[in-house]
């Protein structure tokens, strides 16, 4: 089941989405980059909630855990002068 989900989102061992299934259930890691000035806690929460809501449609199961990692903050492009 995880294999087909991984294929749909192009999951790789080191990709932005990582899945693990064990006796506790499915654990999902999502790695993101946010823009400068973006409220990181709100974005991370929104990503975690969206991921948790999406899993039952793809796997028929809920996530035991969803971890969101902010890997970087992208600088805003310079304003045109």
PDB file of N, CA and C in Angstrom:
ATOM      1  N   UNK A   1       0.821  -1.183   0.000  1.00  0.00           N
ATOM      2  CA  UNK A   1       0.000   0.000   0.000  1.00  0.00           C
ATOM      3  C   UNK A   1       0.874   1.259   0.000  1.00  0.00           C
ATOM      4  N   UNK A   2       1.902   1.322   0.835  1.00  0.00           N
ATOM      5  CA  UNK A   2       2.786   2.485   0.852  1.00  0.00           C
ATOM      6  C   UNK A   2       3.522   2.631  -0.468  1.00  0.00           C
ATOM      7  N   UNK A   3       3.847   1.515  -1.108  1.00  0.00           N
ATOM      8  CA  UNK A   3       4.559   1.585  -2.382  1.00  0.00           C
ATOM      9  C   UNK A   3       3.741   2.356  -3.408  1.00  0.00           C
ATOM     10  N   UNK A   4       2.457   2.046  -3.533  1.00  0.00           N
ATOM     11  CA  UNK A   4       1.638   2.737  -4.529  1.00  0.00           C
ATOM     12  C   UNK A   4       1.496   4.219  -4.183  1.00  0.00           C
ATOM     13  N   UNK A   5       1.371   4.538  -2.902  1.00  0.00           N
ATOM     14  CA  UNK A   5       1.301   5.942  -2.495  1.00  0.00           C
ATOM     15  C   UNK A   5       2.604   6.638  -2.836  1.00  0.00           C
ATOM     16  N   UNK A   6       3.723   5.981  -2.536  1.00  0.00           N
ATOM     17  CA  UNK A   6       5.022   6.557  -2.842  1.00  0.00           C
ATOM     18  C   UNK A   6       5.206   6.822  -4.315  1.00  0.00           C
ATOM     19  N   UNK A   7       4.718   5.925  -5.133  1.00  0.00           N
ATOM     20  CA  UNK A   7       4.821   6.132  -6.575  1.00  0.00           C
ATOM     21  C   UNK A   7       4.001   7.328  -7.018  1.00  0.00           C
ATOM     22  N   UNK A   8       2.854   7.530  -6.407  1.00  0.00           N
ATOM     23  CA  UNK A   8       1.989   8.639  -6.801  1.00  0.00           C
ATOM     24  C   UNK A   8       2.593   9.992  -6.440  1.00  0.00           C
ATOM     25  N   UNK A   9       3.301  10.078  -5.330  1.00  0.00           N
ATOM     26  CA  UNK A   9       3.892  11.355  -4.933  1.00  0.00           C
ATOM     27  C   UNK A   9       5.396  11.393  -5.203  1.00  0.00           C
ATOM     28  N   UNK A  10       5.876  10.385  -5.906  1.00  0.00           N
ATOM     29  CA  UNK A  10       7.303  10.270  -6.256  1.00  0.00           C
ATOM     30  C   UNK A  10       8.191  10.312  -5.004  1.00  0.00           C
ATOM     31  N   UNK A  11       7.829   9.493  -4.037  1.00  0.00           N
ATOM     32  CA  UNK A  11       8.578   9.427  -2.787  1.00  0.00           C
ATOM     33  C   UNK A  11       9.890   8.686  -3.023  1.00  0.00           C
ATOM     34  N   UNK A  12      10.930   9.240  -2.487  1.00  0.00           N
ATOM     35  CA  UNK A  12      12.227   8.595  -2.477  1.00  0.00           C
ATOM     36  C   UNK A  12      12.708   8.604  -1.034  1.00  0.00           C
ATOM     37  N   UNK A  13      13.699   7.809  -0.754  1.00  0.00           N
ATOM     38  CA  UNK A  13      14.214   7.737   0.614  1.00  0.00           C
ATOM     39  C   UNK A  13      14.655   9.073   1.155  1.00  0.00           C
ATOM     40  N   UNK A  14      15.095   9.948   0.272  1.00  0.00           N
ATOM     41  CA  UNK A  14      15.559  11.260   0.723  1.00  0.00           C
ATOM     42  C   UNK A  14      14.737  12.388   0.117  1.00  0.00           C
ATOM     43  N   UNK A  15      13.578  12.098  -0.410  1.00  0.00           N
ATOM     44  CA  UNK A  15      12.744  13.106  -1.042  1.00  0.00           C
ATOM     45  C   UNK A  15      12.034  13.969  -0.016  1.00  0.00           C
ATOM     46  N   UNK A  16      11.187  14.858  -0.480  1.00  0.00           N
ATOM     47  CA  UNK A  16      10.486  15.768   0.422  1.00  0.00           C
ATOM     48  C   UNK A  16       9.391  15.098   1.236  1.00  0.00           C
ATOM     49  N   UNK A  17       8.956  13.918   0.815  1.00  0.00           N
ATOM     50  CA  UNK A  17       7.946  13.168   1.573  1.00  0.00           C
ATOM     51  C   UNK A  17       8.511  11.794   1.863  1.00  0.00           C
ATOM     52  N   UNK A  18       8.497  11.431   3.146  1.00  0.00           N
ATOM     53  CA  UNK A  18       9.029  10.131   3.553  1.00  0.00           C
ATOM     54  C   UNK A  18       7.968   9.396   4.356  1.00  0.00           C
ATOM     55  N   UNK A  19       7.822   8.129   4.081  1.00  0.00           N
ATOM     56  CA  UNK A  19       6.824   7.310   4.754  1.00  0.00           C
ATOM     57  C   UNK A  19       7.490   6.159   5.476  1.00  0.00           C
ATOM     58  N   UNK A  20       6.927   5.822   6.619  1.00  0.00           N
ATOM     59  CA  UNK A  20       7.396   4.658   7.359  1.00  0.00           C
ATOM     60  C   UNK A  20       6.181   3.983   7.957  1.00  0.00           C
ATOM     61  N   UNK A  21       6.137   2.683   7.846  1.00  0.00           N
ATOM     62  CA  UNK A  21       5.038   1.941   8.457  1.00  0.00           C
ATOM     63  C   UNK A  21       5.621   0.961   9.444  1.00  0.00           C
ATOM     64  N   UNK A  22       5.100   0.982  10.672  1.00  0.00           N
ATOM     65  CA  UNK A  22       5.531   0.034  11.688  1.00  0.00           C
ATOM     66  C   UNK A  22       4.322  -0.358  12.524  1.00  0.00           C
ATOM     67  N   UNK A  23       4.559  -0.976  13.654  1.00  0.00           N
ATOM     68  CA  UNK A  23       3.446  -1.455  14.487  1.00  0.00           C
ATOM     69  C   UNK A  23       2.570  -0.316  15.018  1.00  0.00           C
ATOM     70  N   UNK A  24       3.084   0.898  15.047  1.00  0.00           N
ATOM     71  CA  UNK A  24       2.296   2.043  15.517  1.00  0.00           C
ATOM     72  C   UNK A  24       1.432   2.646  14.421  1.00  0.00           C
ATOM     73  N   UNK A  25       1.700   2.292  13.174  1.00  0.00           N
ATOM     74  CA  UNK A  25       0.955   2.838  12.045  1.00  0.00           C
ATOM     75  C   UNK A  25       1.888   3.534  11.076  1.00  0.00           C
ATOM     76  N   UNK A  26       1.313   4.434  10.294  1.00  0.00           N
ATOM     77  CA  UNK A  26       2.066   5.153   9.269  1.00  0.00           C
ATOM     78  C   UNK A  26       2.580   6.473   9.839  1.00  0.00           C
ATOM     79  N   UNK A  27       3.870   6.711   9.668  1.00  0.00           N
ATOM     80  CA  UNK A  27       4.474   7.984  10.031  1.00  0.00           C
ATOM     81  C   UNK A  27       4.896   8.669   8.741  1.00  0.00           C
ATOM     82  N   UNK A  28       4.559   9.940   8.622  1.00  0.00           N
ATOM     83  CA  UNK A  28       4.884  10.707   7.429  1.00  0.00           C
ATOM     84  C   UNK A  28       5.796  11.861   7.825  1.00  0.00           C
ATOM     85  N   UNK A  29       6.863  12.048   7.066  1.00  0.00           N
ATOM     86  CA  UNK A  29       7.717  13.229   7.197  1.00  0.00           C
ATOM     87  C   UNK A  29       7.544  14.050   5.931  1.00  0.00           C
ATOM     88  N   UNK A  30       7.298  15.333   6.103  1.00  0.00           N
ATOM     89  CA  UNK A  30       7.180  16.246   4.972  1.00  0.00           C
ATOM     90  C   UNK A  30       8.220  17.340   5.167  1.00  0.00           C
ATOM     91  N   UNK A  31       9.077  17.521   4.173  1.00  0.00           N
ATOM     92  CA  UNK A  31      10.128  18.545   4.226  1.00  0.00           C
ATOM     93  C   UNK A  31       9.740  19.674   3.274  1.00  0.00           C
ATOM     94  N   UNK A  32       9.720  20.901   3.803  1.00  0.00           N
ATOM     95  CA  UNK A  32       9.287  22.046   3.002  1.00  0.00           C
ATOM     96  C   UNK A  32      10.288  23.192   3.089  1.00  0.00           C
ATOM     97  N   UNK A  33      10.151  24.117   2.157  1.00  0.00           N
ATOM     98  CA  UNK A  33      10.875  25.387   2.169  1.00  0.00           C
ATOM     99  C   UNK A  33       9.811  26.465   2.173  1.00  0.00           C
ATOM    100  N   UNK A  34       9.934  27.418   3.084  1.00  0.00           N
ATOM    101  CA  UNK A  34       8.957  28.497   3.174  1.00  0.00           C
ATOM    102  C   UNK A  34       9.591  29.812   2.725  1.00  0.00           C
ATOM    103  N   UNK A  35       8.757  30.732   2.355  1.00  0.00           N
ATOM    104  CA  UNK A  35       9.232  32.051   1.958  1.00  0.00           C
ATOM    105  C   UNK A  35       9.539  32.915   3.167  1.00  0.00           C
ATOM    106  N   UNK A  36      10.424  33.839   2.963  1.00  0.00           N
ATOM    107  CA  UNK A  36      10.793  34.780   4.007  1.00  0.00           C
ATOM    108  C   UNK A  36       9.558  35.556   4.459  1.00  0.00           C
ATOM    109  N   UNK A  37       9.382  35.689   5.754  1.00  0.00           N
ATOM    110  CA  UNK A  37       8.260  36.435   6.298  1.00  0.00           C
ATOM    111  C   UNK A  37       6.984  35.622   6.450  1.00  0.00           C
ATOM    112  N   UNK A  38       7.018  34.366   6.040  1.00  0.00           N
ATOM    113  CA  UNK A  38       5.849  33.496   6.164  1.00  0.00           C
ATOM    114  C   UNK A  38       5.767  32.992   7.605  1.00  0.00           C
ATOM    115  N   UNK A  39       4.560  32.947   8.176  1.00  0.00           N
ATOM    116  CA  UNK A  39       4.435  32.440   9.548  1.00  0.00           C
ATOM    117  C   UNK A  39       4.659  30.921   9.583  1.00  0.00           C
ATOM    118  N   UNK A  40       5.859  30.520   9.941  1.00  0.00           N
ATOM    119  CA  UNK A  40       6.269  29.120   9.873  1.00  0.00           C
ATOM    120  C   UNK A  40       5.353  28.196  10.677  1.00  0.00           C
ATOM    121  N   UNK A  41       5.009  28.496  11.930  1.00  0.00           N
ATOM    122  CA  UNK A  41       4.137  27.571  12.668  1.00  0.00           C
ATOM    123  C   UNK A  41       2.784  27.361  11.982  1.00  0.00           C
ATOM    124  N   UNK A  42       2.220  28.404  11.425  1.00  0.00           N
ATOM    125  CA  UNK A  42       0.923  28.272  10.752  1.00  0.00           C
ATOM    126  C   UNK A  42       1.036  27.444   9.482  1.00  0.00           C
ATOM    127  N   UNK A  43       2.101  27.640   8.715  1.00  0.00           N
ATOM    128  CA  UNK A  43       2.309  26.865   7.489  1.00  0.00           C
ATOM    129  C   UNK A  43       2.556  25.402   7.830  1.00  0.00           C
ATOM    130  N   UNK A  44       3.393  25.134   8.821  1.00  0.00           N
ATOM    131  CA  UNK A  44       3.685  23.754   9.214  1.00  0.00           C
ATOM    132  C   UNK A  44       2.418  23.051   9.694  1.00  0.00           C
ATOM    133  N   UNK A  45       1.603  23.727  10.456  1.00  0.00           N
ATOM    134  CA  UNK A  45       0.349  23.143  10.923  1.00  0.00           C
ATOM    135  C   UNK A  45      -0.589  22.855   9.751  1.00  0.00           C
ATOM    136  N   UNK A  46      -0.690  23.784   8.819  1.00  0.00           N
ATOM    137  CA  UNK A  46      -1.556  23.587   7.653  1.00  0.00           C
ATOM    138  C   UNK A  46      -1.081  22.403   6.813  1.00  0.00           C
ATOM    139  N   UNK A  47       0.230  22.264   6.637  1.00  0.00           N
ATOM    140  CA  UNK A  47       0.778  21.140   5.871  1.00  0.00           C
ATOM    141  C   UNK A  47       0.495  19.829   6.594  1.00  0.00           C
ATOM    142  N   UNK A  48       0.690  19.800   7.905  1.00  0.00           N
ATOM    143  CA  UNK A  48       0.436  18.581   8.686  1.00  0.00           C
ATOM    144  C   UNK A  48      -1.034  18.182   8.607  1.00  0.00           C
ATOM    145  N   UNK A  49      -1.933  19.146   8.739  1.00  0.00           N
ATOM    146  CA  UNK A  49      -3.363  18.848   8.679  1.00  0.00           C
ATOM    147  C   UNK A  49      -3.779  18.369   7.285  1.00  0.00           C
ATOM    148  N   UNK A  50      -3.255  19.010   6.252  1.00  0.00           N
ATOM    149  CA  UNK A  50      -3.590  18.608   4.881  1.00  0.00           C
ATOM    150  C   UNK A  50      -3.053  17.207   4.588  1.00  0.00           C
ATOM    151  N   UNK A  51      -1.863  16.914   5.062  1.00  0.00           N
ATOM    152  CA  UNK A  51      -1.277  15.591   4.859  1.00  0.00           C
ATOM    153  C   UNK A  51      -2.102  14.526   5.569  1.00  0.00           C
ATOM    154  N   UNK A  52      -2.467  14.790   6.814  1.00  0.00           N
ATOM    155  CA  UNK A  52      -3.274  13.836   7.581  1.00  0.00           C
ATOM    156  C   UNK A  52      -4.641  13.614   6.933  1.00  0.00           C
ATOM    157  N   UNK A  53      -5.219  14.651   6.361  1.00  0.00           N
ATOM    158  CA  UNK A  53      -6.523  14.520   5.703  1.00  0.00           C
ATOM    159  C   UNK A  53      -6.410  13.768   4.380  1.00  0.00           C
ATOM    160  N   UNK A  54      -5.272  13.875   3.702  1.00  0.00           N
ATOM    161  CA  UNK A  54      -5.066  13.264   2.391  1.00  0.00           C
ATOM    162  C   UNK A  54      -4.794  11.760   2.482  1.00  0.00           C
ATOM    163  N   UNK A  55      -4.117  11.326   3.533  1.00  0.00           N
ATOM    164  CA  UNK A  55      -3.720   9.926   3.643  1.00  0.00           C
ATOM    165  C   UNK A  55      -4.877   8.934   3.570  1.00  0.00           C
ATOM    166  N   UNK A  56      -5.984   9.150   4.244  1.00  0.00           N
ATOM    167  CA  UNK A  56      -7.066   8.163   4.147  1.00  0.00           C
ATOM    168  C   UNK A  56      -7.582   7.964   2.721  1.00  0.00           C
ATOM    169  N   UNK A  57      -7.528   9.002   1.907  1.00  0.00           N
ATOM    170  CA  UNK A  57      -7.997   8.843   0.531  1.00  0.00           C
ATOM    171  C   UNK A  57      -7.021   8.029  -0.305  1.00  0.00           C
ATOM    172  N   UNK A  58      -5.743   8.081   0.039  1.00  0.00           N
ATOM    173  CA  UNK A  58      -4.730   7.357  -0.729  1.00  0.00           C
ATOM    174  C   UNK A  58      -4.434   5.974  -0.157  1.00  0.00           C
ATOM    175  N   UNK A  59      -4.415   5.855   1.161  1.00  0.00           N
ATOM    176  CA  UNK A  59      -3.999   4.606   1.786  1.00  0.00           C
ATOM    177  C   UNK A  59      -5.129   3.862   2.476  1.00  0.00           C
ATOM    178  N   UNK A  60      -6.234   4.548   2.712  1.00  0.00           N
ATOM    179  CA  UNK A  60      -7.312   3.914   3.457  1.00  0.00           C
ATOM    180  C   UNK A  60      -6.999   3.788   4.937  1.00  0.00           C
ATOM    181  N   UNK A  61      -6.026   4.558   5.398  1.00  0.00           N
ATOM    182  CA  UNK A  61      -5.642   4.544   6.804  1.00  0.00           C
ATOM    183  C   UNK A  61      -5.236   5.948   7.218  1.00  0.00           C
ATOM    184  N   UNK A  62      -5.250   6.192   8.499  1.00  0.00           N
ATOM    185  CA  UNK A  62      -4.814   7.494   8.993  1.00  0.00           C
ATOM    186  C   UNK A  62      -3.347   7.419   9.391  1.00  0.00           C
ATOM    187  N   UNK A  63      -2.737   8.578   9.503  1.00  0.00           N
ATOM    188  CA  UNK A  63      -1.335   8.636   9.915  1.00  0.00           C
ATOM    189  C   UNK A  63      -1.256   8.592  11.436  1.00  0.00           C
ATOM    190  N   UNK A  64      -0.344   7.785  11.940  1.00  0.00           N
ATOM    191  CA  UNK A  64      -0.087   7.779  13.376  1.00  0.00           C
ATOM    192  C   UNK A  64       0.590   9.088  13.772  1.00  0.00           C
ATOM    193  N   UNK A  65       1.459   9.549  12.868  1.00  0.00           N
ATOM    194  CA  UNK A  65       2.189  10.803  13.097  1.00  0.00           C
ATOM    195  C   UNK A  65       2.470  11.479  11.768  1.00  0.00           C
ATOM    196  N   UNK A  66       2.423  12.807  11.780  1.00  0.00           N
ATOM    197  CA  UNK A  66       2.865  13.606  10.636  1.00  0.00           C
ATOM    198  C   UNK A  66       3.863  14.616  11.177  1.00  0.00           C
ATOM    199  N   UNK A  67       5.076  14.552  10.666  1.00  0.00           N
ATOM    200  CA  UNK A  67       6.121  15.489  11.072  1.00  0.00           C
ATOM    201  C   UNK A  67       6.422  16.407   9.902  1.00  0.00           C
ATOM    202  N   UNK A  68       6.407  17.708  10.152  1.00  0.00           N
ATOM    203  CA  UNK A  68       6.738  18.684   9.112  1.00  0.00           C
ATOM    204  C   UNK A  68       8.050  19.348   9.493  1.00  0.00           C
ATOM    205  N   UNK A  69       8.994  19.308   8.569  1.00  0.00           N
ATOM    206  CA  UNK A  69      10.303  19.909   8.778  1.00  0.00           C
ATOM    207  C   UNK A  69      10.478  21.068   7.810  1.00  0.00           C
ATOM    208  N   UNK A  70      10.833  22.225   8.340  1.00  0.00           N
ATOM    209  CA  UNK A  70      11.152  23.372   7.493  1.00  0.00           C
ATOM    210  C   UNK A  70      12.653  23.311   7.257  1.00  0.00           C
ATOM    211  N   UNK A  71      13.009  22.925   6.033  1.00  0.00           N
ATOM    212  CA  UNK A  71      14.413  22.734   5.709  1.00  0.00           C
ATOM    213  C   UNK A  71      15.141  24.030   5.382  1.00  0.00           C
ATOM    214  N   UNK A  72      14.379  25.048   4.956  1.00  0.00           N
ATOM    215  CA  UNK A  72      15.028  26.298   4.582  1.00  0.00           C
ATOM    216  C   UNK A  72      13.970  27.398   4.523  1.00  0.00           C
ATOM    217  N   UNK A  73      14.458  28.615   4.583  1.00  0.00           N
ATOM    218  CA  UNK A  73      13.629  29.803   4.365  1.00  0.00           C
ATOM    219  C   UNK A  73      14.202  30.508   3.145  1.00  0.00           C
ATOM    220  N   UNK A  74      13.378  30.600   2.110  1.00  0.00           N
ATOM    221  CA  UNK A  74      13.819  31.208   0.859  1.00  0.00           C
ATOM    222  C   UNK A  74      13.744  32.729   0.981  1.00  0.00           C
ATOM    223  N   UNK A  75      14.795  33.381   0.573  1.00  0.00           N
ATOM    224  CA  UNK A  75      14.837  34.847   0.594  1.00  0.00           C
ATOM    225  C   UNK A  75      13.876  35.400  -0.431  1.00  0.00           C
ATOM    226  N   UNK A  76      13.283  36.522  -0.106  1.00  0.00           N
ATOM    227  CA  UNK A  76      12.409  37.205  -1.062  1.00  0.00           C
ATOM    228  C   UNK A  76      13.255  37.805  -2.174  1.00  0.00           C
ATOM    229  N   UNK A  77      12.732  37.804  -3.403  1.00  0.00           N
ATOM    230  CA  UNK A  77      13.495  38.437  -4.480  1.00  0.00           C
ATOM    231  C   UNK A  77      13.601  39.942  -4.227  1.00  0.00           C
ATOM    232  N   UNK A  78      14.696  40.555  -4.670  1.00  0.00           N
ATOM    233  CA  UNK A  78      14.851  41.995  -4.446  1.00  0.00           C
ATOM    234  C   UNK A  78      13.742  42.773  -5.161  1.00  0.00           C
ATOM    235  N   UNK A  79      13.292  43.800  -4.505  1.00  0.00           N
ATOM    236  CA  UNK A  79      12.248  44.659  -5.103  1.00  0.00           C
ATOM    237  C   UNK A  79      12.831  45.438  -6.265  1.00  0.00           C
ATOM    238  N   UNK A  80      12.036  45.613  -7.316  1.00  0.00           N
ATOM    239  CA  UNK A  80      12.489  46.424  -8.447  1.00  0.00           C
ATOM    240  C   UNK A  80      12.585  47.860  -8.020  1.00  0.00           C
ATOM    241  N   UNK A  81      13.658  48.494  -8.426  1.00  0.00           N
ATOM    242  CA  UNK A  81      13.841  49.902  -8.040  1.00  0.00           C
ATOM    243  C   UNK A  81      13.466  50.817  -9.161  1.00  0.00           C
TER     244      UNK A  81
END
